[in-house]
N, C-alpha and C. Protein backbone atom coordinates (compact mmCIF):
# COMPACT_ATOMS: atom_id res chain seq x y z
N MET A 1 -16.36 8.26 16.50
CA MET A 1 -15.68 7.12 17.09
C MET A 1 -14.53 7.66 17.93
N LYS A 2 -14.41 7.22 19.15
CA LYS A 2 -13.37 7.70 20.04
C LYS A 2 -12.07 6.95 19.83
N GLY A 3 -11.00 7.63 20.20
CA GLY A 3 -9.71 7.00 20.29
C GLY A 3 -9.10 6.52 18.99
N ILE A 4 -8.54 5.33 19.08
CA ILE A 4 -7.68 4.86 17.99
C ILE A 4 -8.26 3.70 17.20
N LYS A 5 -9.52 3.39 17.38
CA LYS A 5 -10.13 2.28 16.66
C LYS A 5 -10.03 2.43 15.14
N ASP A 6 -10.02 3.67 14.64
CA ASP A 6 -9.93 3.90 13.20
C ASP A 6 -8.67 3.27 12.60
N ARG A 7 -7.60 3.18 13.38
CA ARG A 7 -6.37 2.56 12.86
C ARG A 7 -6.65 1.15 12.36
N GLY A 8 -7.31 0.36 13.14
CA GLY A 8 -7.63 -1.01 12.74
C GLY A 8 -8.60 -1.08 11.57
N LEU A 9 -9.60 -0.21 11.59
CA LEU A 9 -10.56 -0.18 10.49
C LEU A 9 -9.89 0.24 9.19
N PHE A 10 -9.00 1.21 9.25
CA PHE A 10 -8.28 1.64 8.06
C PHE A 10 -7.45 0.48 7.50
N LYS A 11 -6.80 -0.28 8.37
CA LYS A 11 -5.97 -1.40 7.91
C LYS A 11 -6.80 -2.44 7.17
N ILE A 12 -7.98 -2.75 7.70
CA ILE A 12 -8.87 -3.70 7.04
C ILE A 12 -9.27 -3.17 5.66
N ASN A 13 -9.64 -1.89 5.60
CA ASN A 13 -10.06 -1.30 4.33
C ASN A 13 -8.92 -1.22 3.32
N ILE A 14 -7.74 -0.89 3.77
CA ILE A 14 -6.59 -0.81 2.86
C ILE A 14 -6.31 -2.17 2.25
N LYS A 15 -6.26 -3.21 3.06
CA LYS A 15 -6.00 -4.56 2.53
C LYS A 15 -7.07 -4.96 1.52
N LYS A 16 -8.32 -4.65 1.82
CA LYS A 16 -9.42 -5.00 0.91
C LYS A 16 -9.25 -4.26 -0.42
N LEU A 17 -8.96 -2.97 -0.37
CA LEU A 17 -8.82 -2.17 -1.59
C LEU A 17 -7.61 -2.60 -2.42
N LEU A 18 -6.52 -2.94 -1.77
CA LEU A 18 -5.34 -3.39 -2.51
C LEU A 18 -5.58 -4.75 -3.14
N PHE A 19 -6.23 -5.66 -2.41
CA PHE A 19 -6.50 -7.00 -2.92
C PHE A 19 -7.44 -6.96 -4.12
N THR A 20 -8.40 -6.04 -4.12
CA THR A 20 -9.37 -5.97 -5.21
C THR A 20 -8.90 -5.11 -6.37
N SER A 21 -7.72 -4.53 -6.28
CA SER A 21 -7.17 -3.75 -7.38
C SER A 21 -6.41 -4.67 -8.34
N ASP A 22 -6.92 -4.80 -9.56
CA ASP A 22 -6.26 -5.64 -10.55
C ASP A 22 -4.84 -5.16 -10.83
N ASP A 23 -4.65 -3.85 -10.90
CA ASP A 23 -3.31 -3.31 -11.20
C ASP A 23 -2.33 -3.61 -10.08
N VAL A 24 -2.73 -3.41 -8.83
CA VAL A 24 -1.85 -3.73 -7.71
C VAL A 24 -1.48 -5.21 -7.75
N MET A 25 -2.47 -6.06 -7.96
CA MET A 25 -2.21 -7.51 -7.97
C MET A 25 -1.29 -7.90 -9.12
N LYS A 26 -1.47 -7.32 -10.30
CA LYS A 26 -0.60 -7.65 -11.44
C LYS A 26 0.85 -7.28 -11.15
N ILE A 27 1.06 -6.13 -10.53
CA ILE A 27 2.43 -5.69 -10.24
C ILE A 27 3.04 -6.53 -9.11
N LEU A 28 2.28 -6.78 -8.08
CA LEU A 28 2.78 -7.58 -6.95
C LEU A 28 3.12 -9.01 -7.37
N LEU A 29 2.26 -9.60 -8.17
CA LEU A 29 2.38 -11.02 -8.47
C LEU A 29 2.91 -11.28 -9.88
N ALA A 30 3.54 -10.29 -10.49
CA ALA A 30 4.02 -10.41 -11.87
C ALA A 30 5.02 -11.53 -12.06
N ASP A 31 5.74 -11.89 -11.03
CA ASP A 31 6.79 -12.90 -11.17
C ASP A 31 6.33 -14.31 -10.79
N THR A 32 5.03 -14.48 -10.51
CA THR A 32 4.55 -15.82 -10.19
C THR A 32 4.32 -16.58 -11.49
N GLU A 33 4.59 -17.85 -11.46
CA GLU A 33 4.48 -18.66 -12.67
C GLU A 33 3.04 -19.00 -13.02
N ASP A 34 2.20 -19.23 -12.03
CA ASP A 34 0.82 -19.64 -12.26
C ASP A 34 -0.08 -18.42 -12.32
N THR A 35 -0.44 -18.00 -13.53
CA THR A 35 -1.30 -16.83 -13.68
C THR A 35 -2.77 -17.17 -13.55
N ASN A 36 -3.12 -18.45 -13.56
CA ASN A 36 -4.51 -18.89 -13.44
C ASN A 36 -4.78 -19.50 -12.07
N MET A 37 -4.23 -18.91 -11.04
CA MET A 37 -4.37 -19.45 -9.69
C MET A 37 -5.77 -19.20 -9.14
N GLY A 38 -6.16 -20.01 -8.19
CA GLY A 38 -7.46 -19.84 -7.55
C GLY A 38 -7.42 -18.72 -6.52
N THR A 39 -8.58 -18.38 -6.01
CA THR A 39 -8.71 -17.28 -5.07
C THR A 39 -7.90 -17.52 -3.80
N ALA A 40 -7.92 -18.72 -3.27
CA ALA A 40 -7.18 -19.02 -2.04
C ALA A 40 -5.68 -18.86 -2.24
N GLN A 41 -5.17 -19.35 -3.36
CA GLN A 41 -3.74 -19.22 -3.64
C GLN A 41 -3.38 -17.75 -3.88
N ARG A 42 -4.23 -17.05 -4.59
CA ARG A 42 -4.01 -15.61 -4.85
C ARG A 42 -3.99 -14.84 -3.53
N LYS A 43 -4.91 -15.16 -2.62
CA LYS A 43 -4.98 -14.50 -1.31
C LYS A 43 -3.71 -14.79 -0.50
N GLN A 44 -3.23 -16.03 -0.54
CA GLN A 44 -2.02 -16.39 0.19
C GLN A 44 -0.82 -15.62 -0.33
N LEU A 45 -0.66 -15.54 -1.65
CA LEU A 45 0.44 -14.77 -2.24
C LEU A 45 0.33 -13.29 -1.88
N PHE A 46 -0.90 -12.77 -1.92
CA PHE A 46 -1.13 -11.38 -1.52
C PHE A 46 -0.69 -11.17 -0.07
N ASP A 47 -1.12 -12.05 0.81
CA ASP A 47 -0.76 -11.93 2.23
C ASP A 47 0.75 -12.05 2.45
N ASP A 48 1.44 -12.79 1.60
CA ASP A 48 2.89 -12.90 1.69
C ASP A 48 3.59 -11.61 1.26
N HIS A 49 2.92 -10.79 0.45
CA HIS A 49 3.54 -9.59 -0.11
C HIS A 49 2.97 -8.28 0.43
N VAL A 50 1.92 -8.34 1.24
CA VAL A 50 1.30 -7.13 1.78
C VAL A 50 1.17 -7.29 3.29
N LYS A 51 1.79 -6.38 4.04
CA LYS A 51 1.82 -6.47 5.50
C LYS A 51 1.32 -5.17 6.12
N SER A 52 0.53 -5.29 7.18
CA SER A 52 -0.02 -4.11 7.85
C SER A 52 0.87 -3.67 9.01
N HIS A 53 2.15 -3.53 8.72
CA HIS A 53 3.12 -2.99 9.66
C HIS A 53 4.28 -2.43 8.84
N LEU A 54 5.16 -1.70 9.48
CA LEU A 54 6.27 -1.07 8.77
C LEU A 54 7.61 -1.73 9.09
N PHE A 55 7.60 -2.90 9.66
CA PHE A 55 8.85 -3.61 9.91
C PHE A 55 9.29 -4.26 8.62
N ILE A 56 10.37 -3.76 8.05
CA ILE A 56 10.89 -4.30 6.80
C ILE A 56 12.27 -4.84 7.08
N ASP A 57 12.35 -6.13 7.16
CA ASP A 57 13.61 -6.78 7.46
C ASP A 57 14.41 -6.92 6.17
N ASP A 58 15.67 -6.55 6.18
CA ASP A 58 16.50 -6.63 4.98
C ASP A 58 16.83 -8.07 4.60
N THR A 59 16.30 -9.02 5.34
CA THR A 59 16.57 -10.42 5.00
C THR A 59 15.36 -11.07 4.34
N LEU A 60 14.50 -10.31 3.69
CA LEU A 60 13.40 -10.91 2.93
C LEU A 60 14.01 -11.92 1.97
N SER A 61 13.57 -13.14 2.06
CA SER A 61 14.22 -14.19 1.28
C SER A 61 13.71 -14.27 -0.16
N ASP A 62 12.47 -13.92 -0.39
CA ASP A 62 11.92 -14.00 -1.73
C ASP A 62 12.08 -12.69 -2.46
N LYS A 63 12.49 -12.76 -3.70
CA LYS A 63 12.58 -11.56 -4.52
C LYS A 63 11.19 -11.23 -5.00
N GLY A 64 10.90 -9.92 -5.11
CA GLY A 64 9.59 -9.52 -5.59
C GLY A 64 9.25 -8.12 -5.13
N ALA A 65 7.99 -7.80 -5.27
CA ALA A 65 7.45 -6.51 -4.84
C ALA A 65 6.64 -6.71 -3.57
N TYR A 66 6.71 -5.73 -2.68
CA TYR A 66 6.03 -5.82 -1.39
C TYR A 66 5.39 -4.48 -1.03
N ILE A 67 4.34 -4.57 -0.23
CA ILE A 67 3.69 -3.38 0.32
C ILE A 67 3.64 -3.54 1.83
N PHE A 68 4.14 -2.54 2.53
CA PHE A 68 4.04 -2.47 3.99
C PHE A 68 3.30 -1.18 4.31
N PHE A 69 2.37 -1.23 5.26
CA PHE A 69 1.64 -0.01 5.59
C PHE A 69 1.24 -0.01 7.06
N ASP A 70 0.99 1.18 7.56
CA ASP A 70 0.46 1.33 8.91
C ASP A 70 -0.26 2.67 8.97
N CYS A 71 -0.99 2.86 10.04
CA CYS A 71 -1.76 4.08 10.24
C CYS A 71 -1.39 4.68 11.59
N ASP A 72 -1.34 6.00 11.64
CA ASP A 72 -1.15 6.66 12.92
C ASP A 72 -2.09 7.85 13.02
N ILE A 73 -2.18 8.39 14.22
CA ILE A 73 -3.04 9.53 14.48
C ILE A 73 -2.15 10.60 15.12
N PRO A 74 -1.58 11.49 14.29
CA PRO A 74 -0.62 12.46 14.81
C PRO A 74 -1.24 13.61 15.59
N ALA A 75 -2.57 13.81 15.50
CA ALA A 75 -3.17 14.95 16.22
C ALA A 75 -4.63 14.68 16.54
N PHE A 76 -5.01 15.06 17.76
CA PHE A 76 -6.41 15.03 18.19
C PHE A 76 -6.86 16.47 18.41
N TYR A 77 -8.06 16.78 17.95
CA TYR A 77 -8.65 18.10 18.14
C TYR A 77 -9.94 17.93 18.93
N ALA A 78 -10.66 19.01 19.18
CA ALA A 78 -11.86 18.95 20.01
C ALA A 78 -12.87 17.90 19.51
N GLN A 79 -13.17 17.90 18.21
CA GLN A 79 -14.16 16.97 17.69
C GLN A 79 -13.64 16.07 16.57
N THR A 80 -12.41 16.31 16.14
CA THR A 80 -11.85 15.50 15.05
C THR A 80 -10.44 15.05 15.41
N LYS A 81 -9.91 14.22 14.56
CA LYS A 81 -8.52 13.79 14.69
C LYS A 81 -7.95 13.65 13.28
N LYS A 82 -6.65 13.83 13.17
CA LYS A 82 -5.97 13.64 11.90
C LYS A 82 -5.48 12.20 11.85
N CYS A 83 -5.77 11.52 10.76
CA CYS A 83 -5.31 10.15 10.57
C CYS A 83 -4.37 10.11 9.38
N ARG A 84 -3.29 9.39 9.55
CA ARG A 84 -2.27 9.31 8.50
C ARG A 84 -2.02 7.84 8.17
N ILE A 85 -1.90 7.57 6.88
CA ILE A 85 -1.58 6.24 6.38
C ILE A 85 -0.20 6.32 5.72
N VAL A 86 0.71 5.48 6.16
CA VAL A 86 2.06 5.44 5.59
C VAL A 86 2.19 4.11 4.84
N VAL A 87 2.59 4.18 3.57
CA VAL A 87 2.70 2.99 2.72
C VAL A 87 4.11 2.93 2.14
N TYR A 88 4.76 1.79 2.33
CA TYR A 88 6.06 1.53 1.72
C TYR A 88 5.84 0.59 0.54
N CYS A 89 6.24 1.01 -0.66
CA CYS A 89 6.22 0.17 -1.86
C CYS A 89 7.65 -0.25 -2.10
N VAL A 90 7.96 -1.51 -1.90
CA VAL A 90 9.34 -1.97 -1.90
C VAL A 90 9.53 -3.08 -2.93
N CYS A 91 10.62 -3.00 -3.69
CA CYS A 91 10.93 -4.02 -4.70
C CYS A 91 12.37 -4.47 -4.55
N SER A 92 12.60 -5.73 -4.84
CA SER A 92 13.98 -6.23 -4.89
C SER A 92 14.72 -5.44 -5.96
N ARG A 93 15.93 -5.03 -5.65
CA ARG A 93 16.69 -4.17 -6.58
C ARG A 93 16.89 -4.80 -7.94
N ASP A 94 17.13 -6.10 -8.00
CA ASP A 94 17.39 -6.71 -9.30
C ASP A 94 16.12 -6.92 -10.14
N LEU A 95 14.95 -6.65 -9.58
CA LEU A 95 13.69 -6.73 -10.33
C LEU A 95 13.11 -5.35 -10.63
N LEU A 96 13.80 -4.34 -10.21
CA LEU A 96 13.28 -2.98 -10.27
C LEU A 96 13.07 -2.47 -11.69
N ASP A 97 14.04 -2.65 -12.55
CA ASP A 97 14.00 -2.03 -13.87
C ASP A 97 13.55 -2.95 -14.99
N ASP A 98 13.13 -4.17 -14.67
CA ASP A 98 12.73 -5.11 -15.73
C ASP A 98 11.22 -5.20 -15.89
N PHE A 99 10.49 -4.21 -15.42
CA PHE A 99 9.03 -4.29 -15.42
C PHE A 99 8.43 -3.16 -16.24
N LYS A 100 7.47 -3.51 -17.07
CA LYS A 100 6.70 -2.53 -17.84
C LYS A 100 5.24 -2.95 -17.80
N MET A 101 4.36 -1.95 -17.70
CA MET A 101 2.93 -2.24 -17.73
C MET A 101 2.22 -1.05 -18.37
N GLU A 102 1.33 -1.33 -19.29
CA GLU A 102 0.64 -0.27 -20.00
C GLU A 102 -0.11 0.63 -19.03
N GLY A 103 0.02 1.94 -19.24
CA GLY A 103 -0.66 2.91 -18.40
C GLY A 103 0.17 3.38 -17.21
N PHE A 104 1.34 2.78 -17.00
CA PHE A 104 2.20 3.12 -15.88
C PHE A 104 3.58 3.50 -16.40
N VAL A 105 4.25 4.38 -15.69
CA VAL A 105 5.59 4.81 -16.10
C VAL A 105 6.57 4.66 -14.95
N GLY A 106 7.83 4.45 -15.31
CA GLY A 106 8.89 4.33 -14.31
C GLY A 106 9.23 2.88 -14.04
N ASN A 107 9.99 2.67 -12.97
CA ASN A 107 10.38 1.31 -12.59
C ASN A 107 9.24 0.61 -11.85
N ARG A 108 9.48 -0.61 -11.41
CA ARG A 108 8.42 -1.39 -10.76
C ARG A 108 7.88 -0.70 -9.50
N ALA A 109 8.75 -0.11 -8.71
CA ALA A 109 8.29 0.60 -7.50
C ALA A 109 7.43 1.80 -7.87
N ASP A 110 7.81 2.51 -8.94
CA ASP A 110 7.00 3.64 -9.41
C ASP A 110 5.62 3.17 -9.84
N CYS A 111 5.59 2.08 -10.61
CA CYS A 111 4.31 1.53 -11.08
C CYS A 111 3.45 1.08 -9.91
N LEU A 112 4.06 0.42 -8.94
CA LEU A 112 3.32 -0.05 -7.78
C LEU A 112 2.75 1.13 -6.99
N SER A 113 3.53 2.18 -6.82
CA SER A 113 3.02 3.34 -6.08
C SER A 113 1.87 4.02 -6.83
N GLN A 114 1.94 4.06 -8.17
CA GLN A 114 0.85 4.62 -8.96
C GLN A 114 -0.42 3.78 -8.82
N ALA A 115 -0.27 2.46 -8.80
CA ALA A 115 -1.43 1.57 -8.65
C ALA A 115 -2.05 1.71 -7.26
N ILE A 116 -1.21 1.86 -6.23
CA ILE A 116 -1.72 2.05 -4.87
C ILE A 116 -2.45 3.38 -4.76
N GLU A 117 -1.87 4.42 -5.33
CA GLU A 117 -2.52 5.72 -5.32
C GLU A 117 -3.91 5.63 -5.96
N ALA A 118 -4.01 4.97 -7.11
CA ALA A 118 -5.29 4.82 -7.79
C ALA A 118 -6.28 4.00 -6.95
N ALA A 119 -5.80 2.96 -6.28
CA ALA A 119 -6.67 2.12 -5.47
C ALA A 119 -7.22 2.85 -4.25
N LEU A 120 -6.40 3.69 -3.62
CA LEU A 120 -6.82 4.37 -2.40
C LEU A 120 -7.53 5.69 -2.64
N LEU A 121 -7.28 6.33 -3.77
CA LEU A 121 -7.84 7.66 -4.01
C LEU A 121 -8.99 7.66 -5.01
N ASN A 122 -9.55 6.52 -5.32
CA ASN A 122 -10.72 6.54 -6.20
C ASN A 122 -11.94 6.97 -5.38
N PRO A 123 -12.96 7.55 -6.01
CA PRO A 123 -14.11 8.10 -5.26
C PRO A 123 -14.82 7.09 -4.36
N VAL A 124 -14.90 5.85 -4.77
CA VAL A 124 -15.56 4.83 -3.94
C VAL A 124 -14.71 4.51 -2.72
N ALA A 125 -13.41 4.33 -2.93
CA ALA A 125 -12.50 3.97 -1.84
C ALA A 125 -12.37 5.08 -0.82
N GLU A 126 -12.37 6.32 -1.27
CA GLU A 126 -12.18 7.44 -0.34
C GLU A 126 -13.27 7.49 0.73
N LYS A 127 -14.43 6.95 0.46
CA LYS A 127 -15.51 6.94 1.45
C LYS A 127 -15.21 5.96 2.60
N GLU A 128 -14.20 5.12 2.43
CA GLU A 128 -13.80 4.17 3.46
C GLU A 128 -12.93 4.82 4.54
N PHE A 129 -12.50 6.07 4.31
CA PHE A 129 -11.54 6.70 5.19
C PHE A 129 -12.04 8.07 5.64
N GLY A 130 -12.28 8.22 6.91
CA GLY A 130 -12.52 9.52 7.50
C GLY A 130 -13.75 10.25 7.04
N ILE A 131 -13.77 11.56 7.31
CA ILE A 131 -14.92 12.41 7.00
C ILE A 131 -14.62 13.36 5.84
N GLY A 132 -13.38 13.46 5.46
CA GLY A 132 -13.01 14.31 4.34
C GLY A 132 -12.34 13.48 3.28
N ASP A 133 -11.79 14.15 2.32
CA ASP A 133 -11.06 13.43 1.27
C ASP A 133 -9.75 12.87 1.81
N LEU A 134 -9.42 11.68 1.37
CA LEU A 134 -8.10 11.13 1.62
C LEU A 134 -7.17 11.78 0.61
N THR A 135 -6.07 12.33 1.07
CA THR A 135 -5.15 13.02 0.16
C THR A 135 -3.75 12.44 0.29
N LEU A 136 -3.05 12.44 -0.83
CA LEU A 136 -1.65 12.04 -0.83
C LEU A 136 -0.84 13.27 -0.45
N GLU A 137 -0.17 13.22 0.70
CA GLU A 137 0.55 14.37 1.23
C GLU A 137 2.01 14.41 0.83
N GLY A 138 2.59 13.25 0.51
CA GLY A 138 3.99 13.25 0.14
C GLY A 138 4.47 11.87 -0.29
N VAL A 139 5.56 11.88 -1.05
CA VAL A 139 6.21 10.66 -1.51
C VAL A 139 7.70 10.82 -1.27
N ASP A 140 8.32 9.82 -0.66
CA ASP A 140 9.74 9.85 -0.37
C ASP A 140 10.38 8.57 -0.93
N ILE A 141 11.67 8.45 -0.79
CA ILE A 141 12.42 7.31 -1.32
C ILE A 141 12.75 6.34 -0.19
N TYR A 142 12.56 5.03 -0.45
CA TYR A 142 13.00 3.98 0.45
C TYR A 142 14.22 3.32 -0.19
N ASN A 143 15.27 3.14 0.58
CA ASN A 143 16.50 2.57 0.05
C ASN A 143 17.15 1.70 1.11
N SER A 144 17.41 0.45 0.76
CA SER A 144 18.13 -0.45 1.65
C SER A 144 19.11 -1.26 0.81
N LYS A 145 19.80 -2.17 1.45
CA LYS A 145 20.81 -2.97 0.76
C LYS A 145 20.22 -3.81 -0.37
N GLU A 146 19.09 -4.41 -0.16
CA GLU A 146 18.49 -5.33 -1.14
C GLU A 146 17.23 -4.80 -1.82
N HIS A 147 16.64 -3.74 -1.28
CA HIS A 147 15.34 -3.27 -1.78
C HIS A 147 15.35 -1.76 -2.00
N TYR A 148 14.47 -1.36 -2.90
CA TYR A 148 14.33 0.06 -3.23
C TYR A 148 12.85 0.33 -3.46
N GLY A 149 12.42 1.56 -3.20
CA GLY A 149 11.02 1.87 -3.43
C GLY A 149 10.62 3.26 -3.00
N THR A 150 9.35 3.39 -2.69
CA THR A 150 8.80 4.68 -2.30
C THR A 150 8.08 4.58 -0.97
N ILE A 151 8.00 5.71 -0.29
CA ILE A 151 7.23 5.84 0.94
C ILE A 151 6.16 6.88 0.65
N MET A 152 4.91 6.47 0.74
CA MET A 152 3.78 7.35 0.45
C MET A 152 3.05 7.68 1.75
N VAL A 153 2.64 8.94 1.90
CA VAL A 153 1.92 9.36 3.10
C VAL A 153 0.58 9.96 2.67
N PHE A 154 -0.51 9.37 3.19
CA PHE A 154 -1.86 9.84 2.93
C PHE A 154 -2.43 10.38 4.23
N GLU A 155 -3.33 11.37 4.14
CA GLU A 155 -3.96 11.91 5.35
C GLU A 155 -5.44 12.16 5.13
N THR A 156 -6.20 12.11 6.23
CA THR A 156 -7.61 12.45 6.25
C THR A 156 -7.98 12.87 7.66
N GLU A 157 -9.17 13.42 7.81
CA GLU A 157 -9.70 13.79 9.12
C GLU A 157 -10.80 12.79 9.50
N CYS A 158 -10.92 12.49 10.77
CA CYS A 158 -11.97 11.62 11.29
C CYS A 158 -12.62 12.28 12.49
N PHE A 159 -13.85 11.89 12.75
CA PHE A 159 -14.45 12.34 14.00
C PHE A 159 -13.72 11.70 15.16
N ARG A 160 -13.63 12.42 16.23
CA ARG A 160 -12.95 11.91 17.42
C ARG A 160 -13.86 10.95 18.11
């Protein structure tokens, strides 16, 4: 595939994988009152908390957990290109330390980043990205006035 079309395809696949991950959904929607919501309501809440861009405005009005992500292509080679996925796992500061979930350790942002890692790096999901394995290349800290979290960077190779 030529050019940058993979960016859009990756975004579609990421949203699908995050939406179908029970762990990601439990952490994102832990503060909603209706735990028996229908698919349409669940999808709307997911869309409110997961964005396929990295614009994070410090005036987010709702407290909760959020995922922002985007894809870039930092290098083109003769027959392949490097594709990178950047994911921000962001939580309201006052909700950060009041969350626990079996199988996960750390604060809510830590748990969310672990769930995202599991959703994107499972053997079935990895086939959705590129020609090689999708790998987690690094994790950094996100810090703002109202929110705290992690910045995760994944990489893979694709045909040019």
